[in-house]
N, C-alpha and C. Protein backbone atom coordinates (compact mmCIF):
# COMPACT_ATOMS: atom_id res chain seq x y z
N MET A 1 -9.21 -26.49 -7.71
CA MET A 1 -8.57 -25.33 -8.30
C MET A 1 -8.02 -24.41 -7.21
N ARG A 2 -8.74 -24.30 -6.11
CA ARG A 2 -8.28 -23.43 -5.03
C ARG A 2 -6.93 -23.90 -4.49
N LYS A 3 -6.78 -25.21 -4.34
CA LYS A 3 -5.53 -25.75 -3.81
C LYS A 3 -4.37 -25.49 -4.77
N SER A 4 -4.59 -25.66 -6.05
CA SER A 4 -3.51 -25.43 -7.01
C SER A 4 -3.14 -23.94 -7.07
N ARG A 5 -4.14 -23.06 -6.97
CA ARG A 5 -3.84 -21.61 -6.93
C ARG A 5 -3.06 -21.25 -5.68
N HIS A 6 -3.44 -21.86 -4.55
CA HIS A 6 -2.74 -21.59 -3.30
C HIS A 6 -1.28 -22.03 -3.40
N ILE A 7 -1.05 -23.19 -3.95
CA ILE A 7 0.32 -23.70 -4.11
C ILE A 7 1.11 -22.80 -5.05
N ASP A 8 0.49 -22.35 -6.13
CA ASP A 8 1.18 -21.46 -7.07
C ASP A 8 1.53 -20.13 -6.42
N ILE A 9 0.59 -19.55 -5.68
CA ILE A 9 0.84 -18.28 -5.00
C ILE A 9 1.93 -18.44 -3.95
N SER A 10 1.81 -19.47 -3.12
CA SER A 10 2.78 -19.65 -2.04
C SER A 10 4.17 -19.99 -2.56
N SER A 11 4.27 -20.72 -3.64
CA SER A 11 5.60 -21.04 -4.18
C SER A 11 6.28 -19.79 -4.74
N ARG A 12 5.51 -18.91 -5.37
CA ARG A 12 6.08 -17.65 -5.87
C ARG A 12 6.51 -16.74 -4.72
N LEU A 13 5.67 -16.66 -3.69
CA LEU A 13 6.02 -15.83 -2.54
C LEU A 13 7.18 -16.42 -1.75
N GLU A 14 7.25 -17.73 -1.69
CA GLU A 14 8.37 -18.38 -0.99
C GLU A 14 9.69 -18.10 -1.71
N ALA A 15 9.67 -18.10 -3.03
CA ALA A 15 10.88 -17.76 -3.79
C ALA A 15 11.29 -16.31 -3.53
N THR A 16 10.31 -15.42 -3.45
CA THR A 16 10.58 -14.01 -3.15
C THR A 16 11.15 -13.87 -1.74
N LYS A 17 10.65 -14.68 -0.83
CA LYS A 17 11.16 -14.67 0.54
C LYS A 17 12.61 -15.16 0.57
N GLN A 18 12.92 -16.19 -0.19
CA GLN A 18 14.28 -16.71 -0.26
C GLN A 18 15.25 -15.69 -0.86
N LEU A 19 14.76 -14.87 -1.77
CA LEU A 19 15.60 -13.83 -2.39
C LEU A 19 15.81 -12.63 -1.47
N GLY A 20 15.00 -12.53 -0.41
CA GLY A 20 15.21 -11.48 0.57
C GLY A 20 14.37 -10.23 0.41
N LEU A 21 13.37 -10.25 -0.46
CA LEU A 21 12.53 -9.07 -0.63
C LEU A 21 11.46 -8.98 0.46
N VAL A 22 10.97 -10.12 0.92
CA VAL A 22 9.94 -10.13 1.97
C VAL A 22 10.40 -10.99 3.14
N ASP A 23 9.88 -10.66 4.34
CA ASP A 23 10.17 -11.45 5.53
C ASP A 23 9.20 -12.62 5.66
N ASP A 24 7.92 -12.37 5.40
CA ASP A 24 6.91 -13.42 5.53
C ASP A 24 5.68 -13.01 4.74
N TYR A 25 4.71 -13.89 4.66
CA TYR A 25 3.47 -13.61 3.94
C TYR A 25 2.34 -14.45 4.52
N ARG A 26 1.11 -14.03 4.23
CA ARG A 26 -0.06 -14.77 4.68
C ARG A 26 -1.10 -14.73 3.56
N ILE A 27 -1.69 -15.86 3.28
CA ILE A 27 -2.72 -15.98 2.25
C ILE A 27 -4.02 -16.37 2.95
N VAL A 28 -5.05 -15.53 2.80
CA VAL A 28 -6.34 -15.80 3.44
C VAL A 28 -7.40 -15.89 2.35
N TRP A 29 -8.09 -17.02 2.32
CA TRP A 29 -9.15 -17.23 1.35
C TRP A 29 -10.49 -16.88 1.97
N PRO A 30 -11.33 -16.13 1.26
CA PRO A 30 -12.67 -15.83 1.78
C PRO A 30 -13.55 -17.08 1.75
N GLU A 31 -14.69 -16.99 2.38
CA GLU A 31 -15.61 -18.12 2.45
C GLU A 31 -16.04 -18.61 1.07
N LYS A 32 -16.30 -17.69 0.17
CA LYS A 32 -16.71 -18.07 -1.18
C LYS A 32 -15.49 -18.56 -1.95
N SER A 33 -15.55 -19.75 -2.48
CA SER A 33 -14.37 -20.33 -3.12
C SER A 33 -14.00 -19.67 -4.45
N LEU A 34 -14.91 -18.94 -5.05
CA LEU A 34 -14.61 -18.32 -6.33
C LEU A 34 -13.94 -16.95 -6.20
N CYS A 35 -13.91 -16.41 -5.01
CA CYS A 35 -13.28 -15.10 -4.79
C CYS A 35 -11.76 -15.25 -4.68
N ALA A 36 -11.08 -14.18 -5.03
CA ALA A 36 -9.61 -14.17 -4.95
C ALA A 36 -9.17 -14.11 -3.49
N PRO A 37 -8.00 -14.63 -3.18
CA PRO A 37 -7.51 -14.57 -1.80
C PRO A 37 -6.98 -13.19 -1.45
N HIS A 38 -6.87 -12.94 -0.17
CA HIS A 38 -6.27 -11.72 0.35
C HIS A 38 -4.84 -12.07 0.77
N VAL A 39 -3.87 -11.37 0.22
CA VAL A 39 -2.46 -11.67 0.49
C VAL A 39 -1.84 -10.51 1.28
N THR A 40 -1.30 -10.84 2.45
CA THR A 40 -0.59 -9.86 3.26
C THR A 40 0.89 -10.23 3.23
N VAL A 41 1.71 -9.28 2.85
CA VAL A 41 3.15 -9.50 2.75
C VAL A 41 3.85 -8.62 3.78
N ILE A 42 4.74 -9.21 4.55
CA ILE A 42 5.55 -8.45 5.49
C ILE A 42 6.86 -8.14 4.78
N GLY A 43 7.00 -6.87 4.38
CA GLY A 43 8.17 -6.46 3.61
C GLY A 43 9.35 -6.12 4.50
N ARG A 44 10.50 -6.09 3.90
CA ARG A 44 11.72 -5.71 4.61
C ARG A 44 11.86 -4.20 4.61
N ARG A 45 12.47 -3.68 5.65
CA ARG A 45 12.64 -2.23 5.78
C ARG A 45 13.61 -1.67 4.74
N ALA A 46 14.46 -2.50 4.18
CA ALA A 46 15.43 -2.04 3.18
C ALA A 46 14.77 -1.62 1.87
N PHE A 47 13.53 -2.08 1.65
CA PHE A 47 12.82 -1.77 0.40
C PHE A 47 11.56 -0.98 0.72
N PRO A 48 11.27 0.06 -0.05
CA PRO A 48 10.02 0.80 0.17
C PRO A 48 8.80 -0.10 -0.03
N ALA A 49 7.75 0.16 0.72
CA ALA A 49 6.53 -0.66 0.66
C ALA A 49 5.93 -0.67 -0.74
N GLN A 50 5.96 0.46 -1.43
CA GLN A 50 5.38 0.52 -2.77
C GLN A 50 6.17 -0.32 -3.77
N VAL A 51 7.48 -0.36 -3.63
CA VAL A 51 8.30 -1.21 -4.51
C VAL A 51 7.96 -2.68 -4.28
N THR A 52 7.84 -3.06 -3.01
CA THR A 52 7.49 -4.43 -2.68
C THR A 52 6.11 -4.79 -3.23
N LYS A 53 5.14 -3.90 -3.06
CA LYS A 53 3.78 -4.17 -3.55
C LYS A 53 3.77 -4.29 -5.07
N ASN A 54 4.48 -3.40 -5.75
CA ASN A 54 4.52 -3.46 -7.21
C ASN A 54 5.13 -4.78 -7.69
N TYR A 55 6.21 -5.20 -7.04
CA TYR A 55 6.85 -6.46 -7.43
C TYR A 55 5.92 -7.64 -7.22
N VAL A 56 5.31 -7.70 -6.04
CA VAL A 56 4.40 -8.82 -5.72
C VAL A 56 3.18 -8.79 -6.63
N ALA A 57 2.67 -7.61 -6.93
CA ALA A 57 1.51 -7.50 -7.83
C ALA A 57 1.84 -8.03 -9.22
N ILE A 58 3.01 -7.73 -9.71
CA ILE A 58 3.43 -8.26 -11.02
C ILE A 58 3.63 -9.77 -10.94
N LEU A 59 4.24 -10.22 -9.86
CA LEU A 59 4.50 -11.65 -9.67
C LEU A 59 3.22 -12.48 -9.62
N LEU A 60 2.19 -11.91 -9.00
CA LEU A 60 0.93 -12.63 -8.82
C LEU A 60 -0.19 -12.11 -9.72
N ALA A 61 0.16 -11.43 -10.79
CA ALA A 61 -0.81 -10.72 -11.63
C ALA A 61 -1.99 -11.58 -12.08
N HIS A 62 -1.77 -12.77 -12.53
CA HIS A 62 -2.87 -13.59 -13.02
C HIS A 62 -3.53 -14.42 -11.92
N LEU A 63 -3.05 -14.30 -10.68
CA LEU A 63 -3.60 -15.09 -9.57
C LEU A 63 -4.36 -14.27 -8.53
N VAL A 64 -3.87 -13.05 -8.27
CA VAL A 64 -4.45 -12.21 -7.22
C VAL A 64 -4.55 -10.77 -7.74
N PRO A 65 -5.72 -10.14 -7.62
CA PRO A 65 -5.82 -8.73 -8.01
C PRO A 65 -4.98 -7.84 -7.09
N THR A 66 -4.47 -6.76 -7.63
CA THR A 66 -3.62 -5.85 -6.86
C THR A 66 -4.34 -5.33 -5.62
N ARG A 67 -5.63 -5.10 -5.70
CA ARG A 67 -6.38 -4.57 -4.55
C ARG A 67 -6.42 -5.54 -3.37
N GLU A 68 -6.11 -6.81 -3.60
CA GLU A 68 -6.11 -7.82 -2.54
C GLU A 68 -4.73 -8.04 -1.94
N ILE A 69 -3.74 -7.24 -2.33
CA ILE A 69 -2.38 -7.36 -1.81
C ILE A 69 -2.09 -6.19 -0.89
N VAL A 70 -1.63 -6.51 0.32
CA VAL A 70 -1.29 -5.49 1.32
C VAL A 70 0.13 -5.74 1.78
N VAL A 71 0.92 -4.67 1.88
CA VAL A 71 2.29 -4.78 2.37
C VAL A 71 2.37 -4.10 3.74
N THR A 72 2.88 -4.82 4.72
CA THR A 72 3.06 -4.27 6.07
C THR A 72 4.53 -4.38 6.44
N ARG A 73 4.87 -3.85 7.60
CA ARG A 73 6.24 -3.93 8.13
C ARG A 73 6.21 -4.57 9.50
N ASN A 74 7.31 -5.21 9.88
CA ASN A 74 7.45 -5.70 11.25
C ASN A 74 7.64 -4.53 12.18
N SER A 75 7.08 -4.62 13.37
CA SER A 75 7.25 -3.52 14.32
C SER A 75 8.47 -3.71 15.19
């Protein structure tokens, strides 16, 4: 189940990356397999971080809790 969830999350984020909303993303799974993953998204400067987080949270609503999604910027 973890592998299928990872593929589902990454395919959705990859589509978002192709559309130009995010530059990159990282999915980190905790040691316990039943816990939700931590998703870090590197957003583009053209979009506010909160807009990016809201979009990704809606996109991954049934896969990742909003509290596990973090949006950062490239330096």
